[in-house]
PDB file of N, CA and C in Angstrom:
ATOM      1  N   UNK A   1     119.662  85.867 124.111  1.00  0.00           N
ATOM      2  CA  UNK A   1     119.355  86.503 122.974  1.00  0.00           C
ATOM      3  C   UNK A   1     119.767  85.198 121.992  1.00  0.00           C
ATOM      4  N   UNK A   2     118.828  84.571 121.129  1.00  0.00           N
ATOM      5  CA  UNK A   2     119.387  83.786 120.001  1.00  0.00           C
ATOM      6  C   UNK A   2     119.866  84.392 119.203  1.00  0.00           C
ATOM      7  N   UNK A   3     120.926  83.642 118.462  1.00  0.00           N
ATOM      8  CA  UNK A   3     121.820  84.025 117.557  1.00  0.00           C
ATOM      9  C   UNK A   3     121.016  83.427 116.062  1.00  0.00           C
ATOM     10  N   UNK A   4     121.338  84.147 115.198  1.00  0.00           N
ATOM     11  CA  UNK A   4     120.952  83.232 113.701  1.00  0.00           C
ATOM     12  C   UNK A   4     121.824  82.463 113.365  1.00  0.00           C
ATOM     13  N   UNK A   5     121.300  81.536 112.945  1.00  0.00           N
ATOM     14  CA  UNK A   5     122.157  80.423 112.272  1.00  0.00           C
ATOM     15  C   UNK A   5     122.807  80.817 111.148  1.00  0.00           C
ATOM     16  N   UNK A   6     122.679  81.696 110.433  1.00  0.00           N
ATOM     17  CA  UNK A   6     123.432  82.182 109.077  1.00  0.00           C
ATOM     18  C   UNK A   6     124.248  83.311 109.695  1.00  0.00           C
ATOM     19  N   UNK A   7     124.459  83.673 110.736  1.00  0.00           N
ATOM     20  CA  UNK A   7     125.190  85.118 111.303  1.00  0.00           C
ATOM     21  C   UNK A   7     126.672  84.569 111.410  1.00  0.00           C
ATOM     22  N   UNK A   8     126.847  83.085 111.847  1.00  0.00           N
ATOM     23  CA  UNK A   8     128.330  82.644 111.681  1.00  0.00           C
ATOM     24  C   UNK A   8     128.482  82.140 110.545  1.00  0.00           C
ATOM     25  N   UNK A   9     127.660  81.625 109.771  1.00  0.00           N
ATOM     26  CA  UNK A   9     128.272  81.419 108.397  1.00  0.00           C
ATOM     27  C   UNK A   9     128.696  82.744 107.365  1.00  0.00           C
ATOM     28  N   UNK A  10     127.959  83.670 107.654  1.00  0.00           N
ATOM     29  CA  UNK A  10     128.417  84.814 107.123  1.00  0.00           C
ATOM     30  C   UNK A  10     129.557  85.579 107.648  1.00  0.00           C
ATOM     31  N   UNK A  11     129.707  85.610 108.673  1.00  0.00           N
ATOM     32  CA  UNK A  11     131.161  85.995 109.353  1.00  0.00           C
ATOM     33  C   UNK A  11     132.290  85.433 108.806  1.00  0.00           C
ATOM     34  N   UNK A  12     131.892  83.824 108.551  1.00  0.00           N
ATOM     35  CA  UNK A  12     133.217  82.984 108.206  1.00  0.00           C
ATOM     36  C   UNK A  12     133.505  83.319 106.797  1.00  0.00           C
ATOM     37  N   UNK A  13     132.241  83.353 106.043  1.00  0.00           N
ATOM     38  CA  UNK A  13     132.377  83.796 104.557  1.00  0.00           C
ATOM     39  C   UNK A  13     133.127  84.997 104.485  1.00  0.00           C
ATOM     40  N   UNK A  14     132.825  85.821 104.928  1.00  0.00           N
ATOM     41  CA  UNK A  14     133.535  87.300 104.826  1.00  0.00           C
ATOM     42  C   UNK A  14     135.163  87.145 105.214  1.00  0.00           C
ATOM     43  N   UNK A  15     135.376  86.509 106.424  1.00  0.00           N
ATOM     44  CA  UNK A  15     136.872  86.308 106.601  1.00  0.00           C
ATOM     45  C   UNK A  15     137.510  85.418 105.638  1.00  0.00           C
ATOM     46  N   UNK A  16     136.895  84.728 105.316  1.00  0.00           N
ATOM     47  CA  UNK A  16     137.317  83.863 103.883  1.00  0.00           C
ATOM     48  C   UNK A  16     137.793  84.651 102.614  1.00  0.00           C
ATOM     49  N   UNK A  17     136.688  85.628 102.395  1.00  0.00           N
ATOM     50  CA  UNK A  17     136.944  86.472 101.236  1.00  0.00           C
ATOM     51  C   UNK A  17     138.056  87.244 101.663  1.00  0.00           C
ATOM     52  N   UNK A  18     138.357  87.907 102.906  1.00  0.00           N
ATOM     53  CA  UNK A  18     139.554  88.930 103.126  1.00  0.00           C
ATOM     54  C   UNK A  18     140.794  87.962 103.098  1.00  0.00           C
ATOM     55  N   UNK A  19     140.860  86.582 103.651  1.00  0.00           N
ATOM     56  CA  UNK A  19     141.998  86.024 103.433  1.00  0.00           C
ATOM     57  C   UNK A  19     142.162  85.396 101.975  1.00  0.00           C
ATOM     58  N   UNK A  20     141.399  85.182 101.385  1.00  0.00           N
ATOM     59  CA  UNK A  20     141.466  85.160  99.884  1.00  0.00           C
ATOM     60  C   UNK A  20     142.061  86.272  99.129  1.00  0.00           C
ATOM     61  N   UNK A  21     141.395  87.673  99.417  1.00  0.00           N
ATOM     62  CA  UNK A  21     142.107  88.872  98.880  1.00  0.00           C
ATOM     63  C   UNK A  21     143.230  88.948  99.246  1.00  0.00           C
ATOM     64  N   UNK A  22     143.743  88.526 100.545  1.00  0.00           N
ATOM     65  CA  UNK A  22     145.190  88.918 101.043  1.00  0.00           C
ATOM     66  C   UNK A  22     146.298  87.810 100.475  1.00  0.00           C
ATOM     67  N   UNK A  23     145.727  86.701  99.965  1.00  0.00           N
ATOM     68  CA  UNK A  23     146.540  85.702  99.445  1.00  0.00           C
ATOM     69  C   UNK A  23     146.925  85.846  98.194  1.00  0.00           C
ATOM     70  N   UNK A  24     145.654  86.447  97.234  1.00  0.00           N
ATOM     71  CA  UNK A  24     145.905  86.777  96.126  1.00  0.00           C
ATOM     72  C   UNK A  24     146.809  88.427  95.748  1.00  0.00           C
ATOM     73  N   UNK A  25     146.724  89.164  96.925  1.00  0.00           N
ATOM     74  CA  UNK A  25     147.519  90.280  96.714  1.00  0.00           C
ATOM     75  C   UNK A  25     148.921  89.965  97.073  1.00  0.00           C
ATOM     76  N   UNK A  26     149.239  89.132  98.268  1.00  0.00           N
ATOM     77  CA  UNK A  26     150.549  88.750  98.364  1.00  0.00           C
ATOM     78  C   UNK A  26     151.363  87.941  97.323  1.00  0.00           C
ATOM     79  N   UNK A  27     150.413  86.969  96.484  1.00  0.00           N
ATOM     80  CA  UNK A  27     150.907  86.230  95.575  1.00  0.00           C
ATOM     81  C   UNK A  27     151.445  87.209  94.497  1.00  0.00           C
ATOM     82  N   UNK A  28     150.369  88.385  94.258  1.00  0.00           N
ATOM     83  CA  UNK A  28     150.527  89.001  92.972  1.00  0.00           C
ATOM     84  C   UNK A  28     152.100  90.288  93.102  1.00  0.00           C
ATOM     85  N   UNK A  29     152.205  90.401  94.533  1.00  0.00           N
ATOM     86  CA  UNK A  29     153.446  91.241  95.009  1.00  0.00           C
ATOM     87  C   UNK A  29     154.690  90.471  94.728  1.00  0.00           C
ATOM     88  N   UNK A  30     154.613  89.164  95.260  1.00  0.00           N
ATOM     89  CA  UNK A  30     155.722  88.303  95.309  1.00  0.00           C
ATOM     90  C   UNK A  30     156.285  87.934  93.670  1.00  0.00           C
ATOM     91  N   UNK A  31     155.408  87.827  92.910  1.00  0.00           N
ATOM     92  CA  UNK A  31     155.476  87.657  91.543  1.00  0.00           C
ATOM     93  C   UNK A  31     156.077  88.861  90.743  1.00  0.00           C
ATOM     94  N   UNK A  32     155.523  89.660  91.012  1.00  0.00           N
ATOM     95  CA  UNK A  32     155.842  91.225  90.661  1.00  0.00           C
ATOM     96  C   UNK A  32     157.210  91.663  90.759  1.00  0.00           C
ATOM     97  N   UNK A  33     157.668  91.230  92.084  1.00  0.00           N
ATOM     98  CA  UNK A  33     159.306  91.433  92.486  1.00  0.00           C
ATOM     99  C   UNK A  33     160.059  90.469  91.859  1.00  0.00           C
ATOM    100  N   UNK A  34     159.512  89.150  91.733  1.00  0.00           N
ATOM    101  CA  UNK A  34     160.426  88.102  91.029  1.00  0.00           C
ATOM    102  C   UNK A  34     160.531  88.722  89.757  1.00  0.00           C
ATOM    103  N   UNK A  35     159.477  89.033  89.092  1.00  0.00           N
ATOM    104  CA  UNK A  35     159.598  89.098  87.321  1.00  0.00           C
ATOM    105  C   UNK A  35     160.522  90.563  87.135  1.00  0.00           C
ATOM    106  N   UNK A  36     160.022  91.655  87.994  1.00  0.00           N
ATOM    107  CA  UNK A  36     160.678  92.881  87.792  1.00  0.00           C
ATOM    108  C   UNK A  36     160.860  93.621  88.953  1.00  0.00           C
ATOM    109  N   UNK A  37     161.855  93.302  89.509  1.00  0.00           N
ATOM    110  CA  UNK A  37     162.286  94.217  90.980  1.00  0.00           C
ATOM    111  C   UNK A  37     162.333  95.584  90.713  1.00  0.00           C
ATOM    112  N   UNK A  38     162.628  95.972  89.837  1.00  0.00           N
ATOM    113  CA  UNK A  38     163.203  97.281  89.627  1.00  0.00           C
ATOM    114  C   UNK A  38     162.057  98.218  89.688  1.00  0.00           C
ATOM    115  N   UNK A  39     161.143  97.508  88.621  1.00  0.00           N
ATOM    116  CA  UNK A  39     159.773  98.313  88.198  1.00  0.00           C
ATOM    117  C   UNK A  39     159.117  98.113  89.337  1.00  0.00           C
ATOM    118  N   UNK A  40     158.709  97.111  90.044  1.00  0.00           N
ATOM    119  CA  UNK A  40     157.998  97.268  91.369  1.00  0.00           C
ATOM    120  C   UNK A  40     158.396  97.982  92.468  1.00  0.00           C
ATOM    121  N   UNK A  41     159.868  98.003  92.855  1.00  0.00           N
ATOM    122  CA  UNK A  41     160.401  99.099  93.672  1.00  0.00           C
ATOM    123  C   UNK A  41     159.719 100.483  93.464  1.00  0.00           C
ATOM    124  N   UNK A  42     159.847 100.713  91.921  1.00  0.00           N
ATOM    125  CA  UNK A  42     159.493 102.171  91.698  1.00  0.00           C
ATOM    126  C   UNK A  42     157.828 102.488  91.765  1.00  0.00           C
ATOM    127  N   UNK A  43     157.157 101.517  91.328  1.00  0.00           N
ATOM    128  CA  UNK A  43     155.661 101.582  91.247  1.00  0.00           C
ATOM    129  C   UNK A  43     155.353 101.691  92.946  1.00  0.00           C
ATOM    130  N   UNK A  44     155.913 100.665  93.763  1.00  0.00           N
ATOM    131  CA  UNK A  44     155.744 100.890  94.991  1.00  0.00           C
ATOM    132  C   UNK A  44     156.197 102.430  95.771  1.00  0.00           C
ATOM    133  N   UNK A  45     157.368 102.774  95.081  1.00  0.00           N
ATOM    134  CA  UNK A  45     157.761 104.287  96.043  1.00  0.00           C
ATOM    135  C   UNK A  45     156.662 105.200  95.367  1.00  0.00           C
ATOM    136  N   UNK A  46     156.390 105.154  94.124  1.00  0.00           N
ATOM    137  CA  UNK A  46     155.298 106.018  93.596  1.00  0.00           C
ATOM    138  C   UNK A  46     154.000 105.941  94.479  1.00  0.00           C
ATOM    139  N   UNK A  47     153.646 104.654  94.807  1.00  0.00           N
ATOM    140  CA  UNK A  47     152.360 104.404  95.352  1.00  0.00           C
ATOM    141  C   UNK A  47     152.505 105.230  96.961  1.00  0.00           C
ATOM    142  N   UNK A  48     153.485 104.827  97.531  1.00  0.00           N
ATOM    143  CA  UNK A  48     153.859 105.382  98.789  1.00  0.00           C
ATOM    144  C   UNK A  48     153.867 107.023  98.800  1.00  0.00           C
ATOM    145  N   UNK A  49     154.294 107.533  97.591  1.00  0.00           N
ATOM    146  CA  UNK A  49     154.545 109.004  97.493  1.00  0.00           C
ATOM    147  C   UNK A  49     153.349 109.571  97.425  1.00  0.00           C
ATOM    148  N   UNK A  50     152.254 108.853  96.382  1.00  0.00           N
ATOM    149  CA  UNK A  50     151.163 109.439  96.467  1.00  0.00           C
ATOM    150  C   UNK A  50     150.231 109.378  97.659  1.00  0.00           C
ATOM    151  N   UNK A  51     150.164 108.370  98.395  1.00  0.00           N
ATOM    152  CA  UNK A  51     149.512 108.189  99.665  1.00  0.00           C
ATOM    153  C   UNK A  51     150.173 109.500 100.606  1.00  0.00           C
ATOM    154  N   UNK A  52     151.468 109.467 100.564  1.00  0.00           N
ATOM    155  CA  UNK A  52     151.980 110.766 101.544  1.00  0.00           C
ATOM    156  C   UNK A  52     151.339 111.791 100.869  1.00  0.00           C
ATOM    157  N   UNK A  53     151.506 112.310  99.830  1.00  0.00           N
ATOM    158  CA  UNK A  53     150.694 113.571  99.056  1.00  0.00           C
ATOM    159  C   UNK A  53     149.592 113.723  99.628  1.00  0.00           C
ATOM    160  N   UNK A  54     148.701 112.710  99.541  1.00  0.00           N
ATOM    161  CA  UNK A  54     147.205 112.663  99.679  1.00  0.00           C
ATOM    162  C   UNK A  54     146.983 113.166 101.167  1.00  0.00           C
ATOM    163  N   UNK A  55     148.013 112.263 102.134  1.00  0.00           N
ATOM    164  CA  UNK A  55     148.043 112.792 103.485  1.00  0.00           C
ATOM    165  C   UNK A  55     148.323 114.048 103.864  1.00  0.00           C
ATOM    166  N   UNK A  56     149.292 114.576 103.214  1.00  0.00           N
ATOM    167  CA  UNK A  56     149.573 115.966 103.482  1.00  0.00           C
ATOM    168  C   UNK A  56     148.747 116.997 102.924  1.00  0.00           C
ATOM    169  N   UNK A  57     147.881 116.558 101.693  1.00  0.00           N
ATOM    170  CA  UNK A  57     146.656 117.494 101.258  1.00  0.00           C
ATOM    171  C   UNK A  57     145.786 117.634 102.688  1.00  0.00           C
ATOM    172  N   UNK A  58     145.427 116.235 102.761  1.00  0.00           N
ATOM    173  CA  UNK A  58     144.421 116.405 103.876  1.00  0.00           C
ATOM    174  C   UNK A  58     144.648 116.875 104.939  1.00  0.00           C
ATOM    175  N   UNK A  59     145.571 116.809 105.604  1.00  0.00           N
ATOM    176  CA  UNK A  59     145.985 117.521 106.722  1.00  0.00           C
ATOM    177  C   UNK A  59     145.871 119.037 106.679  1.00  0.00           C
ATOM    178  N   UNK A  60     146.516 119.627 105.452  1.00  0.00           N
ATOM    179  CA  UNK A  60     146.469 121.234 105.132  1.00  0.00           C
ATOM    180  C   UNK A  60     145.102 121.381 105.335  1.00  0.00           C
ATOM    181  N   UNK A  61     144.203 120.709 104.606  1.00  0.00           N
ATOM    182  CA  UNK A  61     142.782 121.202 104.506  1.00  0.00           C
ATOM    183  C   UNK A  61     142.169 121.095 105.668  1.00  0.00           C
ATOM    184  N   UNK A  62     142.409 120.182 106.573  1.00  0.00           N
ATOM    185  CA  UNK A  62     141.831 120.161 107.891  1.00  0.00           C
ATOM    186  C   UNK A  62     142.234 121.167 108.637  1.00  0.00           C
ATOM    187  N   UNK A  63     143.659 121.377 108.596  1.00  0.00           N
ATOM    188  CA  UNK A  63     143.999 122.614 109.556  1.00  0.00           C
ATOM    189  C   UNK A  63     143.473 123.905 109.121  1.00  0.00           C
ATOM    190  N   UNK A  64     143.175 124.061 107.681  1.00  0.00           N
ATOM    191  CA  UNK A  64     142.582 125.337 107.221  1.00  0.00           C
ATOM    192  C   UNK A  64     141.347 125.407 107.700  1.00  0.00           C
ATOM    193  N   UNK A  65     140.437 124.290 107.492  1.00  0.00           N
ATOM    194  CA  UNK A  65     139.187 124.384 108.061  1.00  0.00           C
ATOM    195  C   UNK A  65     139.040 124.663 109.466  1.00  0.00           C
ATOM    196  N   UNK A  66     139.854 124.088 110.208  1.00  0.00           N
ATOM    197  CA  UNK A  66     139.816 124.349 111.813  1.00  0.00           C
ATOM    198  C   UNK A  66     140.408 125.922 112.176  1.00  0.00           C
ATOM    199  N   UNK A  67     141.146 126.385 111.341  1.00  0.00           N
ATOM    200  CA  UNK A  67     141.249 127.988 111.595  1.00  0.00           C
ATOM    201  C   UNK A  67     140.499 128.570 111.188  1.00  0.00           C
ATOM    202  N   UNK A  68     139.597 128.258 109.949  1.00  0.00           N
ATOM    203  CA  UNK A  68     138.152 128.996 109.504  1.00  0.00           C
ATOM    204  C   UNK A  68     137.522 128.941 110.703  1.00  0.00           C
ATOM    205  N   UNK A  69     137.311 127.810 111.379  1.00  0.00           N
ATOM    206  CA  UNK A  69     136.178 127.706 112.505  1.00  0.00           C
ATOM    207  C   UNK A  69     136.560 128.534 113.746  1.00  0.00           C
ATOM    208  N   UNK A  70     137.779 128.910 114.067  1.00  0.00           N
ATOM    209  CA  UNK A  70     138.201 129.692 115.315  1.00  0.00           C
ATOM    210  C   UNK A  70     138.733 131.324 114.743  1.00  0.00           C
ATOM    211  N   UNK A  71     138.552 131.366 113.503  1.00  0.00           N
ATOM    212  CA  UNK A  71     138.758 132.875 113.483  1.00  0.00           C
ATOM    213  C   UNK A  71     137.414 133.429 113.378  1.00  0.00           C
TER     214      UNK A  71
END
């Protein structure tokens, strides 16, 4: 089966965008830690707490849903 000529280019371009995004995110994190480590740690802890709270709520809702199916 012939492969489109642009398919490889599209895959390479999307990978380049992913790498560029990761590079910018890493640079932002490093600069943020360098400029204000305490505030960065607080923001990171808040973010992880929010993600954990979301996952806890999602698990609770899914278990409630499945209990409703079996009741």
